[in-house]
């Protein structure tokens, strides 16, 4: 149980943050907010 919970809770060390994906998601959210504000 402990090993499974730790594996699920902590992401693998090999997998780092994909900044292009994060920036893309943030940009998409900003665009949606702007569209909703100006619509």
N, C-alpha and C. Protein backbone atom coordinates (compact mmCIF):
# COMPACT_ATOMS: atom_id res chain seq x y z
N UNK A 1 0.83 -1.20 0.00
CA UNK A 1 0.00 0.00 0.00
C UNK A 1 0.87 1.26 0.00
N UNK A 2 1.90 1.26 0.86
CA UNK A 2 2.73 2.46 0.96
C UNK A 2 3.43 2.75 -0.37
N UNK A 3 4.00 1.72 -0.98
CA UNK A 3 4.74 1.94 -2.22
C UNK A 3 3.80 2.44 -3.31
N UNK A 4 2.61 1.87 -3.42
CA UNK A 4 1.68 2.30 -4.47
C UNK A 4 1.27 3.75 -4.25
N UNK A 5 0.95 4.11 -3.01
CA UNK A 5 0.53 5.48 -2.72
C UNK A 5 1.65 6.47 -3.03
N UNK A 6 2.88 6.10 -2.68
CA UNK A 6 4.00 6.99 -2.96
C UNK A 6 4.21 7.15 -4.46
N UNK A 7 4.06 6.05 -5.22
CA UNK A 7 4.25 6.13 -6.67
C UNK A 7 3.18 7.01 -7.30
N UNK A 8 1.95 6.91 -6.78
CA UNK A 8 0.87 7.72 -7.35
C UNK A 8 1.05 9.19 -6.96
N UNK A 9 1.44 9.41 -5.69
CA UNK A 9 1.53 10.79 -5.19
C UNK A 9 2.69 11.54 -5.85
N UNK A 10 3.86 10.90 -5.94
CA UNK A 10 5.03 11.60 -6.47
C UNK A 10 5.22 11.24 -7.94
N UNK A 11 5.35 12.23 -8.80
CA UNK A 11 5.60 11.95 -10.22
C UNK A 11 6.99 11.36 -10.42
N UNK A 12 7.21 10.63 -11.51
CA UNK A 12 8.53 10.04 -11.77
C UNK A 12 9.60 11.11 -11.89
N UNK A 13 10.82 10.79 -11.46
CA UNK A 13 11.92 11.75 -11.52
C UNK A 13 12.28 12.07 -12.98
N UNK A 14 12.07 11.10 -13.88
CA UNK A 14 12.44 11.33 -15.27
C UNK A 14 11.53 12.38 -15.91
N UNK A 15 10.28 12.42 -15.46
CA UNK A 15 9.31 13.32 -16.09
C UNK A 15 9.42 14.71 -15.47
N UNK A 16 9.91 15.67 -16.26
CA UNK A 16 10.03 17.04 -15.75
C UNK A 16 8.86 17.87 -16.29
N UNK A 17 8.80 19.12 -15.86
CA UNK A 17 7.70 19.99 -16.28
C UNK A 17 7.91 20.39 -17.74
N UNK A 18 6.88 20.17 -18.56
CA UNK A 18 6.96 20.59 -19.96
C UNK A 18 6.50 22.05 -20.04
N UNK A 19 7.48 22.95 -20.08
CA UNK A 19 7.13 24.37 -20.06
C UNK A 19 6.32 24.78 -21.28
N UNK A 20 6.62 24.28 -22.50
CA UNK A 20 5.78 24.65 -23.65
C UNK A 20 4.31 24.30 -23.41
N UNK A 21 4.06 23.16 -22.79
CA UNK A 21 2.67 22.76 -22.53
C UNK A 21 2.06 23.69 -21.49
N UNK A 22 2.81 23.99 -20.42
CA UNK A 22 2.29 24.86 -19.37
C UNK A 22 2.00 26.25 -19.93
N UNK A 23 2.95 26.79 -20.71
CA UNK A 23 2.76 28.11 -21.30
C UNK A 23 1.56 28.09 -22.25
N UNK A 24 1.41 27.01 -23.00
CA UNK A 24 0.28 26.91 -23.92
C UNK A 24 -1.04 26.90 -23.18
N UNK A 25 -1.10 26.16 -22.07
CA UNK A 25 -2.35 26.11 -21.29
C UNK A 25 -2.66 27.49 -20.71
N UNK A 26 -1.64 28.15 -20.16
CA UNK A 26 -1.86 29.48 -19.57
C UNK A 26 -2.30 30.46 -20.64
N UNK A 27 -1.65 30.42 -21.81
CA UNK A 27 -2.02 31.33 -22.89
C UNK A 27 -3.45 31.06 -23.34
N UNK A 28 -3.83 29.78 -23.42
CA UNK A 28 -5.19 29.45 -23.82
C UNK A 28 -6.19 29.99 -22.81
N UNK A 29 -5.90 29.85 -21.51
CA UNK A 29 -6.80 30.38 -20.48
C UNK A 29 -6.92 31.89 -20.59
N UNK A 30 -5.79 32.58 -20.83
CA UNK A 30 -5.83 34.04 -20.95
C UNK A 30 -6.67 34.44 -22.15
N UNK A 31 -6.49 33.75 -23.28
CA UNK A 31 -7.25 34.06 -24.49
C UNK A 31 -8.74 33.87 -24.23
N UNK A 32 -9.09 32.76 -23.54
CA UNK A 32 -10.51 32.51 -23.25
C UNK A 32 -11.07 33.62 -22.38
N UNK A 33 -10.31 34.05 -21.37
CA UNK A 33 -10.78 35.12 -20.49
C UNK A 33 -10.98 36.41 -21.28
N UNK A 34 -10.01 36.73 -22.16
CA UNK A 34 -10.14 37.95 -22.96
C UNK A 34 -11.36 37.87 -23.87
N UNK A 35 -11.56 36.72 -24.49
CA UNK A 35 -12.71 36.57 -25.39
C UNK A 35 -14.01 36.73 -24.61
N UNK A 36 -14.08 36.15 -23.43
CA UNK A 36 -15.30 36.27 -22.63
C UNK A 36 -15.51 37.71 -22.18
N UNK A 37 -14.42 38.42 -21.88
CA UNK A 37 -14.56 39.80 -21.42
C UNK A 37 -15.01 40.71 -22.56
N UNK A 38 -14.47 40.52 -23.74
CA UNK A 38 -14.78 41.42 -24.85
C UNK A 38 -15.98 40.97 -25.66
N UNK A 39 -16.48 39.77 -25.41
CA UNK A 39 -17.62 39.27 -26.17
C UNK A 39 -18.89 40.02 -25.76
